[in-house]
């Protein structure tokens, strides 16, 4: 049985009430919190930085899943580790030295993740699977929350699931982008076991706890969180 984790993305939260938003989703059972960092170069948006990671760290002891959508991520890794990240994920497209970046993350005392944009083939991360605690598949083009899920990434998720199971079964397979109660079962069936959601949780009409509950209820019966 694959362990299941939900990683609510605070990119869609009301940052003036960040502590309340975090408390709502952790009370509903979220074990991870996702922090999207964008530099305005690798992706066309500029978002959260080390101050927000540090604020989230003060607000919770839950696992901080920090996704660096930045060029040359190596130069920023120490600052985000110091701010309190538990997992630092870098894009295979953002550095020519992905092995070194993942090793650096481990040397900083964090778990290491490697991410792929929708147009990047699964095979791009095969050489570094033994170094990766997490592989993150983007199911939208990164840069903005609220985009529609791209179903064409599902065959890539299946390919990654097969390779992870064969080479490094402890690696978690995360998916990010357009995850909602309709798309989550598709992602689970393809092999994902960590689900990032932003708008579906923090912009739910009944509040973030209800948004997370709706995702939890969308899991197939065989996928009860471990």
N, C-alpha and C. Protein backbone atom coordinates (compact mmCIF):
# COMPACT_ATOMS: atom_id res chain seq x y z
N UNK A 1 0.84 -1.20 0.00
CA UNK A 1 0.00 0.00 0.00
C UNK A 1 0.88 1.26 0.00
N UNK A 2 0.67 2.12 -0.97
CA UNK A 2 1.45 3.36 -1.02
C UNK A 2 0.95 4.33 0.05
N UNK A 3 1.85 4.93 0.84
CA UNK A 3 1.39 5.96 1.78
C UNK A 3 0.88 7.17 1.03
N UNK A 4 -0.14 7.81 1.57
CA UNK A 4 -0.75 8.98 0.94
C UNK A 4 -0.49 10.21 1.81
N UNK A 5 -0.12 11.29 1.15
CA UNK A 5 0.05 12.56 1.85
C UNK A 5 -0.67 13.66 1.06
N UNK A 6 -1.28 14.58 1.79
CA UNK A 6 -1.81 15.80 1.19
C UNK A 6 -0.89 16.95 1.58
N UNK A 7 -0.60 17.80 0.61
CA UNK A 7 0.31 18.92 0.84
C UNK A 7 -0.37 20.21 0.38
N UNK A 8 -1.23 20.80 1.23
CA UNK A 8 -1.93 22.02 0.85
C UNK A 8 -0.95 23.15 0.53
N UNK A 9 -1.15 23.77 -0.61
CA UNK A 9 -0.26 24.84 -1.06
C UNK A 9 -0.73 26.19 -0.54
N UNK A 10 0.10 26.81 0.31
CA UNK A 10 -0.30 28.07 0.91
C UNK A 10 -0.25 29.23 -0.07
N UNK A 11 0.15 28.98 -1.31
CA UNK A 11 0.10 30.02 -2.34
C UNK A 11 -1.32 30.59 -2.47
N UNK A 12 -2.34 29.76 -2.26
CA UNK A 12 -3.73 30.21 -2.39
C UNK A 12 -4.35 30.65 -1.08
N UNK A 13 -3.58 30.58 0.01
CA UNK A 13 -4.13 30.97 1.32
C UNK A 13 -4.15 32.49 1.46
N UNK A 14 -4.95 32.97 2.39
CA UNK A 14 -4.95 34.38 2.78
C UNK A 14 -3.74 34.59 3.68
N UNK A 15 -2.69 35.21 3.15
CA UNK A 15 -1.45 35.32 3.90
C UNK A 15 -1.57 36.25 5.10
N UNK A 16 -2.61 37.07 5.14
CA UNK A 16 -2.83 37.88 6.35
C UNK A 16 -3.35 37.03 7.50
N UNK A 17 -3.78 35.79 7.19
CA UNK A 17 -4.30 34.88 8.21
C UNK A 17 -3.63 33.51 8.05
N UNK A 18 -2.32 33.56 7.79
CA UNK A 18 -1.60 32.33 7.47
C UNK A 18 -1.68 31.31 8.61
N UNK A 19 -1.48 31.76 9.83
CA UNK A 19 -1.54 30.84 10.96
C UNK A 19 -2.88 30.13 11.06
N UNK A 20 -3.97 30.87 10.84
CA UNK A 20 -5.29 30.27 10.89
C UNK A 20 -5.48 29.26 9.76
N UNK A 21 -4.98 29.60 8.57
CA UNK A 21 -5.12 28.70 7.43
C UNK A 21 -4.36 27.40 7.68
N UNK A 22 -3.15 27.52 8.21
CA UNK A 22 -2.35 26.33 8.50
C UNK A 22 -3.04 25.49 9.57
N UNK A 23 -3.55 26.14 10.60
CA UNK A 23 -4.23 25.41 11.67
C UNK A 23 -5.45 24.65 11.15
N UNK A 24 -6.17 25.26 10.21
CA UNK A 24 -7.38 24.62 9.68
C UNK A 24 -7.05 23.34 8.94
N UNK A 25 -6.02 23.36 8.09
CA UNK A 25 -5.73 22.17 7.31
C UNK A 25 -4.99 21.11 8.13
N UNK A 26 -4.18 21.53 9.09
CA UNK A 26 -3.52 20.52 9.91
C UNK A 26 -4.52 19.84 10.84
N UNK A 27 -5.50 20.59 11.33
CA UNK A 27 -6.54 19.97 12.15
C UNK A 27 -7.35 18.95 11.34
N UNK A 28 -7.43 19.16 10.03
CA UNK A 28 -8.16 18.25 9.15
C UNK A 28 -7.29 17.07 8.72
N UNK A 29 -6.02 17.06 9.12
CA UNK A 29 -5.19 15.90 8.85
C UNK A 29 -4.05 16.10 7.88
N UNK A 30 -3.81 17.33 7.41
CA UNK A 30 -2.68 17.56 6.51
C UNK A 30 -1.37 17.36 7.27
N UNK A 31 -0.53 16.48 6.75
CA UNK A 31 0.77 16.23 7.38
C UNK A 31 1.88 17.06 6.74
N UNK A 32 1.65 17.53 5.51
CA UNK A 32 2.62 18.35 4.81
C UNK A 32 1.99 19.71 4.51
N UNK A 33 2.82 20.71 4.29
CA UNK A 33 2.40 22.01 3.78
C UNK A 33 3.34 22.38 2.64
N UNK A 34 2.75 22.82 1.54
CA UNK A 34 3.51 23.11 0.32
C UNK A 34 3.74 24.61 0.19
N UNK A 35 4.99 24.99 -0.06
CA UNK A 35 5.34 26.40 -0.23
C UNK A 35 5.93 26.58 -1.63
N UNK A 36 5.23 27.33 -2.47
CA UNK A 36 5.66 27.57 -3.84
C UNK A 36 6.51 28.83 -3.91
N UNK A 37 7.76 28.65 -4.34
CA UNK A 37 8.71 29.76 -4.46
C UNK A 37 8.98 29.98 -5.94
N UNK A 38 8.71 31.19 -6.43
CA UNK A 38 8.88 31.51 -7.85
C UNK A 38 9.70 32.79 -7.97
N UNK A 39 10.61 32.79 -8.95
CA UNK A 39 11.58 33.90 -9.04
C UNK A 39 11.29 34.91 -10.14
N UNK A 40 10.20 34.71 -10.91
CA UNK A 40 9.91 35.63 -12.01
C UNK A 40 10.79 35.42 -13.23
N UNK A 41 11.66 34.41 -13.21
CA UNK A 41 12.53 34.10 -14.34
C UNK A 41 12.26 32.68 -14.85
N UNK A 42 12.41 31.71 -13.97
CA UNK A 42 12.12 30.33 -14.37
C UNK A 42 10.64 30.16 -14.69
N UNK A 43 9.80 30.87 -13.94
CA UNK A 43 8.37 30.92 -14.21
C UNK A 43 7.93 32.38 -14.20
N UNK A 44 6.81 32.71 -14.88
CA UNK A 44 6.41 34.11 -15.02
C UNK A 44 5.61 34.63 -13.83
N UNK A 45 6.15 34.47 -12.65
CA UNK A 45 5.49 34.99 -11.46
C UNK A 45 6.55 35.13 -10.38
N UNK A 46 6.27 35.96 -9.40
CA UNK A 46 7.17 36.18 -8.27
C UNK A 46 6.36 35.96 -7.01
N UNK A 47 6.79 34.98 -6.19
CA UNK A 47 5.96 34.64 -5.04
C UNK A 47 6.79 34.50 -3.78
N UNK A 48 6.44 33.52 -2.97
CA UNK A 48 6.86 33.40 -1.59
C UNK A 48 8.37 33.18 -1.46
N UNK A 49 8.92 33.70 -0.34
CA UNK A 49 10.34 33.56 -0.09
C UNK A 49 10.63 33.00 1.28
N UNK A 50 11.84 33.20 1.74
CA UNK A 50 12.27 32.59 3.00
C UNK A 50 11.47 33.10 4.18
N UNK A 51 11.00 34.35 4.13
CA UNK A 51 10.24 34.88 5.27
C UNK A 51 8.95 34.10 5.48
N UNK A 52 8.29 33.70 4.40
CA UNK A 52 7.06 32.92 4.53
C UNK A 52 7.36 31.52 5.02
N UNK A 53 8.45 30.91 4.56
CA UNK A 53 8.84 29.60 5.08
C UNK A 53 9.10 29.69 6.58
N UNK A 54 9.81 30.73 7.00
CA UNK A 54 10.09 30.90 8.43
C UNK A 54 8.81 31.13 9.22
N UNK A 55 7.87 31.90 8.65
CA UNK A 55 6.59 32.13 9.34
C UNK A 55 5.80 30.84 9.46
N UNK A 56 5.78 30.06 8.40
CA UNK A 56 5.09 28.77 8.45
C UNK A 56 5.74 27.85 9.48
N UNK A 57 7.07 27.90 9.54
CA UNK A 57 7.77 27.06 10.52
C UNK A 57 7.40 27.44 11.95
N UNK A 58 7.24 28.74 12.20
CA UNK A 58 6.83 29.18 13.54
C UNK A 58 5.40 28.76 13.85
N UNK A 59 4.59 28.63 12.80
CA UNK A 59 3.16 28.35 13.00
C UNK A 59 2.86 26.87 13.16
N UNK A 60 3.78 25.99 12.75
CA UNK A 60 3.46 24.56 12.76
C UNK A 60 4.73 23.73 12.85
N UNK A 61 4.56 22.51 13.32
CA UNK A 61 5.66 21.55 13.29
C UNK A 61 5.48 20.54 12.17
N UNK A 62 4.50 20.76 11.28
CA UNK A 62 4.27 19.84 10.16
C UNK A 62 5.39 19.96 9.12
N UNK A 63 5.44 18.97 8.27
CA UNK A 63 6.49 18.84 7.25
C UNK A 63 6.34 19.95 6.21
N UNK A 64 7.38 20.77 6.04
CA UNK A 64 7.34 21.88 5.09
C UNK A 64 7.99 21.45 3.77
N UNK A 65 7.15 21.39 2.77
CA UNK A 65 7.46 20.91 1.42
C UNK A 65 7.67 22.15 0.55
N UNK A 66 8.94 22.53 0.35
CA UNK A 66 9.27 23.80 -0.32
C UNK A 66 9.68 23.50 -1.76
N UNK A 67 8.93 24.06 -2.69
CA UNK A 67 9.10 23.81 -4.12
C UNK A 67 9.73 25.05 -4.76
N UNK A 68 10.99 24.91 -5.17
CA UNK A 68 11.75 26.03 -5.73
C UNK A 68 11.63 26.05 -7.24
N UNK A 69 10.78 26.94 -7.75
CA UNK A 69 10.65 27.16 -9.18
C UNK A 69 11.51 28.36 -9.53
N UNK A 70 12.82 28.13 -9.49
CA UNK A 70 13.79 29.21 -9.63
C UNK A 70 14.96 28.74 -10.49
N UNK A 71 15.59 29.70 -11.17
CA UNK A 71 16.83 29.41 -11.87
C UNK A 71 17.99 29.32 -10.87
N UNK A 72 18.95 28.48 -11.19
CA UNK A 72 20.14 28.30 -10.33
C UNK A 72 19.74 28.12 -8.87
N UNK A 73 18.97 27.08 -8.57
CA UNK A 73 18.47 26.91 -7.20
C UNK A 73 19.57 26.71 -6.17
N UNK A 74 20.73 26.24 -6.60
CA UNK A 74 21.80 25.95 -5.64
C UNK A 74 22.14 27.16 -4.76
N UNK A 75 22.05 28.35 -5.31
CA UNK A 75 22.45 29.55 -4.55
C UNK A 75 21.46 29.89 -3.44
N UNK A 76 20.24 29.35 -3.51
CA UNK A 76 19.20 29.66 -2.53
C UNK A 76 18.97 28.55 -1.52
N UNK A 77 19.53 27.39 -1.76
CA UNK A 77 19.23 26.25 -0.89
C UNK A 77 19.59 26.49 0.58
N UNK A 78 20.76 27.04 0.90
CA UNK A 78 21.08 27.22 2.33
C UNK A 78 20.08 28.11 3.05
N UNK A 79 19.62 29.17 2.39
CA UNK A 79 18.70 30.11 3.05
C UNK A 79 17.36 29.44 3.34
N UNK A 80 16.87 28.64 2.41
CA UNK A 80 15.58 27.98 2.64
C UNK A 80 15.70 26.86 3.67
N UNK A 81 16.83 26.17 3.69
CA UNK A 81 17.05 25.18 4.73
C UNK A 81 17.08 25.84 6.10
N UNK A 82 17.78 26.96 6.20
CA UNK A 82 17.86 27.67 7.47
C UNK A 82 16.50 28.21 7.90
N UNK A 83 15.65 28.56 6.94
CA UNK A 83 14.32 29.09 7.26
C UNK A 83 13.39 28.03 7.83
N UNK A 84 13.72 26.75 7.62
CA UNK A 84 12.91 25.70 8.23
C UNK A 84 12.33 24.67 7.30
N UNK A 85 12.75 24.64 6.03
CA UNK A 85 12.24 23.64 5.10
C UNK A 85 12.63 22.24 5.54
N UNK A 86 11.72 21.30 5.36
CA UNK A 86 12.03 19.89 5.56
C UNK A 86 12.40 19.21 4.25
N UNK A 87 11.74 19.62 3.18
CA UNK A 87 11.98 19.09 1.84
C UNK A 87 12.22 20.27 0.91
N UNK A 88 13.29 20.19 0.12
CA UNK A 88 13.56 21.19 -0.91
C UNK A 88 13.53 20.50 -2.26
N UNK A 89 12.64 20.96 -3.12
CA UNK A 89 12.48 20.37 -4.45
C UNK A 89 12.95 21.36 -5.49
N UNK A 90 13.83 20.89 -6.38
CA UNK A 90 14.36 21.73 -7.45
C UNK A 90 13.98 21.10 -8.79
N UNK A 91 13.92 21.92 -9.81
CA UNK A 91 13.53 21.45 -11.14
C UNK A 91 14.73 20.93 -11.92
N UNK A 92 14.52 19.80 -12.57
CA UNK A 92 15.58 19.24 -13.41
C UNK A 92 15.90 20.20 -14.55
N UNK A 93 14.94 21.03 -14.96
CA UNK A 93 15.16 21.98 -16.06
C UNK A 93 15.93 23.23 -15.61
N UNK A 94 16.06 23.44 -14.30
CA UNK A 94 16.58 24.71 -13.79
C UNK A 94 18.07 24.72 -13.50
N UNK A 95 18.70 23.55 -13.57
CA UNK A 95 20.13 23.48 -13.27
C UNK A 95 20.78 22.41 -14.13
N UNK A 96 21.99 22.67 -14.61
CA UNK A 96 22.71 21.62 -15.34
C UNK A 96 23.37 20.60 -14.41
N UNK A 97 23.28 20.84 -13.11
CA UNK A 97 23.99 19.99 -12.14
C UNK A 97 23.00 19.43 -11.13
N UNK A 98 22.03 18.66 -11.60
CA UNK A 98 20.96 18.20 -10.72
C UNK A 98 21.48 17.23 -9.66
N UNK A 99 22.46 16.38 -10.00
CA UNK A 99 23.04 15.50 -8.99
C UNK A 99 23.61 16.33 -7.83
N UNK A 100 24.39 17.33 -8.18
CA UNK A 100 25.04 18.16 -7.16
C UNK A 100 24.00 18.89 -6.31
N UNK A 101 22.93 19.37 -6.95
CA UNK A 101 21.90 20.10 -6.20
C UNK A 101 21.23 19.17 -5.18
N UNK A 102 20.90 17.95 -5.58
CA UNK A 102 20.26 17.02 -4.64
C UNK A 102 21.22 16.63 -3.52
N UNK A 103 22.48 16.44 -3.84
CA UNK A 103 23.46 16.14 -2.80
C UNK A 103 23.60 17.31 -1.83
N UNK A 104 23.59 18.53 -2.37
CA UNK A 104 23.68 19.72 -1.51
C UNK A 104 22.50 19.79 -0.55
N UNK A 105 21.31 19.49 -1.04
CA UNK A 105 20.12 19.51 -0.19
C UNK A 105 20.28 18.52 0.97
N UNK A 106 20.74 17.33 0.66
CA UNK A 106 20.96 16.34 1.72
C UNK A 106 22.02 16.81 2.70
N UNK A 107 23.08 17.43 2.19
CA UNK A 107 24.13 17.94 3.06
C UNK A 107 23.62 19.01 4.02
N UNK A 108 22.56 19.72 3.60
CA UNK A 108 21.95 20.75 4.44
C UNK A 108 20.98 20.17 5.47
N UNK A 109 20.79 18.86 5.44
CA UNK A 109 19.93 18.21 6.43
C UNK A 109 18.48 18.12 6.03
N UNK A 110 18.16 18.37 4.75
CA UNK A 110 16.78 18.32 4.26
C UNK A 110 16.59 17.11 3.36
N UNK A 111 15.34 16.73 3.17
CA UNK A 111 15.02 15.77 2.13
C UNK A 111 15.08 16.49 0.78
N UNK A 112 15.35 15.72 -0.28
CA UNK A 112 15.59 16.29 -1.60
C UNK A 112 14.53 15.83 -2.58
N UNK A 113 14.01 16.77 -3.34
CA UNK A 113 13.03 16.47 -4.37
C UNK A 113 13.49 16.98 -5.72
N UNK A 114 13.03 16.32 -6.77
CA UNK A 114 13.31 16.75 -8.14
C UNK A 114 11.97 16.86 -8.87
N UNK A 115 11.77 17.97 -9.57
CA UNK A 115 10.50 18.26 -10.23
C UNK A 115 10.66 18.28 -11.74
N UNK A 116 9.54 17.96 -12.44
CA UNK A 116 9.49 17.99 -13.89
C UNK A 116 8.31 18.83 -14.35
N UNK A 117 8.56 19.71 -15.31
CA UNK A 117 7.49 20.44 -15.97
C UNK A 117 6.66 19.49 -16.85
N UNK A 118 5.45 19.91 -17.24
CA UNK A 118 4.61 19.01 -18.04
C UNK A 118 5.26 18.50 -19.32
N UNK A 119 6.09 19.32 -19.96
CA UNK A 119 6.69 18.92 -21.22
C UNK A 119 7.98 18.14 -21.11
N UNK A 120 8.44 17.89 -19.89
CA UNK A 120 9.70 17.17 -19.67
C UNK A 120 9.42 15.69 -19.48
N UNK A 121 10.12 14.82 -20.20
CA UNK A 121 9.83 13.38 -20.10
C UNK A 121 10.28 12.79 -18.76
N UNK A 122 9.64 11.72 -18.38
CA UNK A 122 9.97 11.04 -17.13
C UNK A 122 11.43 10.65 -17.07
N UNK A 123 11.98 10.26 -18.22
CA UNK A 123 13.35 9.75 -18.25
C UNK A 123 14.38 10.78 -17.79
N UNK A 124 14.02 12.06 -17.77
CA UNK A 124 14.97 13.09 -17.36
C UNK A 124 15.42 12.94 -15.92
N UNK A 125 14.60 12.31 -15.08
CA UNK A 125 14.98 12.16 -13.67
C UNK A 125 15.43 10.75 -13.32
N UNK A 126 15.39 9.82 -14.26
CA UNK A 126 15.79 8.45 -13.95
C UNK A 126 17.20 8.36 -13.36
N UNK A 127 18.19 9.13 -13.88
CA UNK A 127 19.54 8.99 -13.34
C UNK A 127 19.67 9.41 -11.87
N UNK A 128 18.74 10.24 -11.36
CA UNK A 128 18.89 10.73 -9.99
C UNK A 128 17.87 10.13 -9.02
N UNK A 129 17.11 9.14 -9.45
CA UNK A 129 16.12 8.55 -8.55
C UNK A 129 16.71 8.07 -7.23
N UNK A 130 17.91 7.46 -7.20
CA UNK A 130 18.45 7.03 -5.91
C UNK A 130 18.75 8.19 -4.95
N UNK A 131 18.85 9.42 -5.47
CA UNK A 131 19.10 10.59 -4.63
C UNK A 131 17.83 11.32 -4.23
N UNK A 132 16.70 10.93 -4.82
CA UNK A 132 15.47 11.71 -4.66
C UNK A 132 14.55 11.09 -3.62
N UNK A 133 14.22 11.87 -2.61
CA UNK A 133 13.19 11.46 -1.66
C UNK A 133 11.80 11.64 -2.26
N UNK A 134 11.68 12.60 -3.18
CA UNK A 134 10.40 12.92 -3.82
C UNK A 134 10.66 13.24 -5.29
N UNK A 135 9.80 12.74 -6.16
CA UNK A 135 9.71 13.23 -7.55
C UNK A 135 8.39 13.95 -7.68
N UNK A 136 8.45 15.19 -8.15
CA UNK A 136 7.26 16.03 -8.29
C UNK A 136 6.94 16.22 -9.77
N UNK A 137 5.75 15.78 -10.16
CA UNK A 137 5.27 15.97 -11.54
C UNK A 137 4.33 17.17 -11.55
N UNK A 138 4.65 18.15 -12.37
CA UNK A 138 3.75 19.28 -12.55
C UNK A 138 2.65 18.89 -13.54
N UNK A 139 1.41 19.04 -13.11
CA UNK A 139 0.27 18.74 -13.97
C UNK A 139 -0.41 20.00 -14.48
N UNK A 140 0.28 21.14 -14.34
CA UNK A 140 0.00 22.39 -15.04
C UNK A 140 1.36 23.00 -15.36
N UNK A 141 1.39 23.96 -16.26
CA UNK A 141 2.62 24.70 -16.46
C UNK A 141 2.83 25.63 -15.27
N UNK A 142 3.96 25.53 -14.59
CA UNK A 142 4.11 26.22 -13.31
C UNK A 142 4.11 27.74 -13.46
N UNK A 143 3.64 28.40 -12.40
CA UNK A 143 3.65 29.85 -12.37
C UNK A 143 2.44 30.45 -11.70
N UNK A 144 1.29 29.80 -11.81
CA UNK A 144 0.06 30.38 -11.27
C UNK A 144 -0.84 29.28 -10.72
N UNK A 145 -1.51 29.54 -9.61
CA UNK A 145 -2.49 28.59 -9.09
C UNK A 145 -3.80 28.77 -9.83
N UNK A 146 -4.67 27.76 -9.74
CA UNK A 146 -5.99 27.84 -10.35
C UNK A 146 -6.06 27.36 -11.78
N UNK A 147 -4.97 26.81 -12.33
CA UNK A 147 -4.99 26.32 -13.71
C UNK A 147 -5.65 24.94 -13.78
N UNK A 148 -6.09 24.60 -15.00
CA UNK A 148 -6.74 23.31 -15.23
C UNK A 148 -5.72 22.19 -15.36
N UNK A 149 -6.06 21.05 -14.80
CA UNK A 149 -5.25 19.84 -14.84
C UNK A 149 -4.98 19.41 -16.28
N UNK A 150 -3.73 19.00 -16.56
CA UNK A 150 -3.35 18.52 -17.89
C UNK A 150 -3.33 16.99 -17.87
N UNK A 151 -4.37 16.33 -18.40
CA UNK A 151 -4.42 14.86 -18.32
C UNK A 151 -3.30 14.18 -19.08
N UNK A 152 -2.66 14.88 -20.02
CA UNK A 152 -1.59 14.25 -20.78
C UNK A 152 -0.37 13.92 -19.93
N UNK A 153 -0.31 14.39 -18.68
CA UNK A 153 0.82 14.01 -17.82
C UNK A 153 0.62 12.63 -17.18
N UNK A 154 -0.57 12.07 -17.24
CA UNK A 154 -0.83 10.82 -16.53
C UNK A 154 0.03 9.65 -17.02
N UNK A 155 0.27 9.49 -18.32
CA UNK A 155 1.18 8.42 -18.73
C UNK A 155 2.59 8.60 -18.15
N UNK A 156 3.02 9.84 -17.99
CA UNK A 156 4.33 10.09 -17.38
C UNK A 156 4.34 9.67 -15.91
N UNK A 157 3.25 9.94 -15.21
CA UNK A 157 3.14 9.51 -13.81
C UNK A 157 3.24 7.98 -13.75
N UNK A 158 2.55 7.30 -14.64
CA UNK A 158 2.60 5.83 -14.65
C UNK A 158 4.02 5.33 -14.91
N UNK A 159 4.70 5.96 -15.85
CA UNK A 159 6.09 5.57 -16.16
C UNK A 159 6.99 5.79 -14.96
N UNK A 160 6.82 6.90 -14.28
CA UNK A 160 7.62 7.17 -13.09
C UNK A 160 7.31 6.18 -11.98
N UNK A 161 6.03 5.85 -11.80
CA UNK A 161 5.67 4.89 -10.77
C UNK A 161 6.38 3.55 -11.01
N UNK A 162 6.38 3.11 -12.24
CA UNK A 162 7.03 1.84 -12.59
C UNK A 162 8.52 1.90 -12.28
N UNK A 163 9.16 3.00 -12.67
CA UNK A 163 10.60 3.11 -12.48
C UNK A 163 10.97 3.27 -11.00
N UNK A 164 10.18 4.05 -10.28
CA UNK A 164 10.43 4.20 -8.84
C UNK A 164 10.30 2.85 -8.14
N UNK A 165 9.24 2.12 -8.43
CA UNK A 165 9.04 0.83 -7.79
C UNK A 165 10.18 -0.13 -8.10
N UNK A 166 10.77 -0.01 -9.28
CA UNK A 166 11.85 -0.90 -9.68
C UNK A 166 13.20 -0.50 -9.11
N UNK A 167 13.42 0.80 -8.94
CA UNK A 167 14.76 1.30 -8.63
C UNK A 167 14.90 1.82 -7.21
N UNK A 168 13.89 2.53 -6.71
CA UNK A 168 14.01 3.21 -5.41
C UNK A 168 12.62 3.35 -4.81
N UNK A 169 12.03 2.27 -4.31
CA UNK A 169 10.62 2.28 -3.91
C UNK A 169 10.26 3.28 -2.83
N UNK A 170 11.24 3.73 -2.03
CA UNK A 170 10.93 4.67 -0.96
C UNK A 170 10.70 6.09 -1.46
N UNK A 171 11.02 6.38 -2.71
CA UNK A 171 10.77 7.71 -3.27
C UNK A 171 9.26 7.96 -3.37
N UNK A 172 8.83 9.12 -2.89
CA UNK A 172 7.42 9.52 -2.98
C UNK A 172 7.19 10.18 -4.35
N UNK A 173 6.02 9.95 -4.92
CA UNK A 173 5.66 10.52 -6.22
C UNK A 173 4.55 11.55 -6.01
N UNK A 174 4.91 12.81 -6.19
CA UNK A 174 4.03 13.94 -5.89
C UNK A 174 3.50 14.54 -7.18
N UNK A 175 2.28 15.06 -7.14
CA UNK A 175 1.69 15.72 -8.30
C UNK A 175 1.11 17.05 -7.87
N UNK A 176 1.26 18.05 -8.74
CA UNK A 176 0.93 19.43 -8.38
C UNK A 176 0.34 20.14 -9.59
N UNK A 177 -0.91 20.58 -9.44
CA UNK A 177 -1.52 21.39 -10.48
C UNK A 177 -2.90 20.89 -10.87
N UNK A 178 -3.92 21.66 -10.55
CA UNK A 178 -5.26 21.31 -10.94
C UNK A 178 -5.84 20.12 -10.19
N UNK A 179 -5.29 19.82 -9.01
CA UNK A 179 -5.80 18.69 -8.24
C UNK A 179 -7.07 19.10 -7.51
N UNK A 180 -8.13 18.34 -7.74
CA UNK A 180 -9.43 18.58 -7.12
C UNK A 180 -10.12 17.22 -6.97
N UNK A 181 -11.33 17.16 -6.44
CA UNK A 181 -11.96 15.84 -6.23
C UNK A 181 -12.18 15.04 -7.51
N UNK A 182 -12.21 15.68 -8.65
CA UNK A 182 -12.38 14.96 -9.91
C UNK A 182 -11.06 14.42 -10.46
N UNK A 183 -9.98 15.18 -10.32
CA UNK A 183 -8.70 14.77 -10.90
C UNK A 183 -7.86 13.92 -9.96
N UNK A 184 -8.07 14.04 -8.67
CA UNK A 184 -7.26 13.30 -7.71
C UNK A 184 -7.33 11.79 -7.93
N UNK A 185 -8.50 11.19 -8.12
CA UNK A 185 -8.52 9.74 -8.35
C UNK A 185 -7.74 9.31 -9.59
N UNK A 186 -7.72 10.16 -10.63
CA UNK A 186 -6.95 9.84 -11.83
C UNK A 186 -5.46 9.82 -11.51
N UNK A 187 -5.01 10.80 -10.73
CA UNK A 187 -3.61 10.88 -10.36
C UNK A 187 -3.21 9.72 -9.46
N UNK A 188 -4.10 9.35 -8.53
CA UNK A 188 -3.81 8.20 -7.67
C UNK A 188 -3.70 6.91 -8.50
N UNK A 189 -4.64 6.70 -9.40
CA UNK A 189 -4.62 5.49 -10.21
C UNK A 189 -3.35 5.40 -11.04
N UNK A 190 -2.84 6.57 -11.49
CA UNK A 190 -1.62 6.58 -12.29
C UNK A 190 -0.38 6.30 -11.45
N UNK A 191 -0.46 6.51 -10.14
CA UNK A 191 0.67 6.17 -9.29
C UNK A 191 1.13 7.24 -8.32
N UNK A 192 0.54 8.42 -8.34
CA UNK A 192 0.94 9.48 -7.41
C UNK A 192 0.49 9.13 -6.00
N UNK A 193 1.25 9.57 -5.01
CA UNK A 193 0.82 9.36 -3.63
C UNK A 193 1.00 10.58 -2.73
N UNK A 194 1.47 11.70 -3.28
CA UNK A 194 1.47 12.98 -2.57
C UNK A 194 0.72 13.97 -3.47
N UNK A 195 -0.28 14.64 -2.89
CA UNK A 195 -1.17 15.48 -3.69
C UNK A 195 -1.10 16.92 -3.19
N UNK A 196 -0.63 17.80 -4.07
CA UNK A 196 -0.59 19.22 -3.78
C UNK A 196 -1.86 19.85 -4.32
N UNK A 197 -2.50 20.67 -3.51
CA UNK A 197 -3.68 21.41 -3.97
C UNK A 197 -3.66 22.79 -3.34
N UNK A 198 -4.02 23.77 -4.12
CA UNK A 198 -4.04 25.16 -3.65
C UNK A 198 -5.47 25.68 -3.63
N UNK A 199 -6.00 26.00 -4.81
CA UNK A 199 -7.34 26.58 -4.90
C UNK A 199 -8.41 25.64 -4.36
N UNK A 200 -8.27 24.34 -4.63
CA UNK A 200 -9.30 23.38 -4.19
C UNK A 200 -9.42 23.34 -2.67
N UNK A 201 -8.36 23.74 -1.97
CA UNK A 201 -8.39 23.75 -0.51
C UNK A 201 -8.65 25.15 0.02
N UNK A 202 -7.78 26.08 -0.30
CA UNK A 202 -7.83 27.39 0.36
C UNK A 202 -8.87 28.33 -0.23
N UNK A 203 -9.43 27.98 -1.39
CA UNK A 203 -10.50 28.80 -1.95
C UNK A 203 -11.83 28.04 -2.00
N UNK A 204 -11.93 27.00 -1.21
CA UNK A 204 -13.18 26.26 -1.12
C UNK A 204 -14.24 27.14 -0.47
N UNK A 205 -15.48 27.13 -0.97
CA UNK A 205 -16.51 28.03 -0.43
C UNK A 205 -16.75 27.87 1.07
N UNK A 206 -16.54 26.65 1.58
CA UNK A 206 -16.75 26.41 3.02
C UNK A 206 -15.47 26.48 3.84
N UNK A 207 -14.39 26.92 3.22
CA UNK A 207 -13.14 27.08 3.95
C UNK A 207 -12.16 25.96 3.69
N UNK A 208 -10.90 26.16 4.12
CA UNK A 208 -9.84 25.20 3.79
C UNK A 208 -10.04 23.82 4.38
N UNK A 209 -10.59 23.71 5.58
CA UNK A 209 -10.80 22.37 6.15
C UNK A 209 -11.78 21.58 5.29
N UNK A 210 -12.84 22.24 4.84
CA UNK A 210 -13.81 21.56 3.97
C UNK A 210 -13.19 21.20 2.63
N UNK A 211 -12.32 22.07 2.11
CA UNK A 211 -11.65 21.77 0.85
C UNK A 211 -10.77 20.54 0.96
N UNK A 212 -10.00 20.44 2.05
CA UNK A 212 -9.17 19.26 2.23
C UNK A 212 -10.03 18.02 2.46
N UNK A 213 -11.10 18.16 3.23
CA UNK A 213 -11.99 17.02 3.47
C UNK A 213 -12.55 16.48 2.16
N UNK A 214 -12.89 17.36 1.23
CA UNK A 214 -13.43 16.92 -0.06
C UNK A 214 -12.39 16.11 -0.84
N UNK A 215 -11.13 16.50 -0.75
CA UNK A 215 -10.08 15.74 -1.41
C UNK A 215 -9.88 14.38 -0.73
N UNK A 216 -9.89 14.39 0.58
CA UNK A 216 -9.73 13.13 1.31
C UNK A 216 -10.84 12.15 0.95
N UNK A 217 -12.05 12.66 0.82
CA UNK A 217 -13.18 11.81 0.48
C UNK A 217 -13.13 11.32 -0.96
N UNK A 218 -12.36 12.00 -1.81
CA UNK A 218 -12.25 11.59 -3.21
C UNK A 218 -11.26 10.45 -3.42
N UNK A 219 -10.47 10.14 -2.41
CA UNK A 219 -9.53 9.02 -2.54
C UNK A 219 -10.29 7.71 -2.72
N UNK A 220 -9.82 6.83 -3.59
CA UNK A 220 -10.43 5.50 -3.67
C UNK A 220 -10.32 4.78 -2.34
N UNK A 221 -11.24 3.87 -2.03
CA UNK A 221 -11.23 3.18 -0.73
C UNK A 221 -9.91 2.48 -0.42
N UNK A 222 -9.21 2.01 -1.44
CA UNK A 222 -7.95 1.29 -1.21
C UNK A 222 -6.79 2.22 -0.88
N UNK A 223 -7.02 3.53 -0.94
CA UNK A 223 -5.94 4.50 -0.78
C UNK A 223 -6.01 5.25 0.53
N UNK A 224 -6.48 4.62 1.59
CA UNK A 224 -6.57 5.29 2.88
C UNK A 224 -5.20 5.77 3.31
N UNK A 225 -5.08 7.04 3.78
CA UNK A 225 -3.77 7.56 4.17
C UNK A 225 -3.13 6.70 5.24
N UNK A 226 -1.80 6.54 5.11
CA UNK A 226 -1.05 5.76 6.09
C UNK A 226 -0.41 6.68 7.10
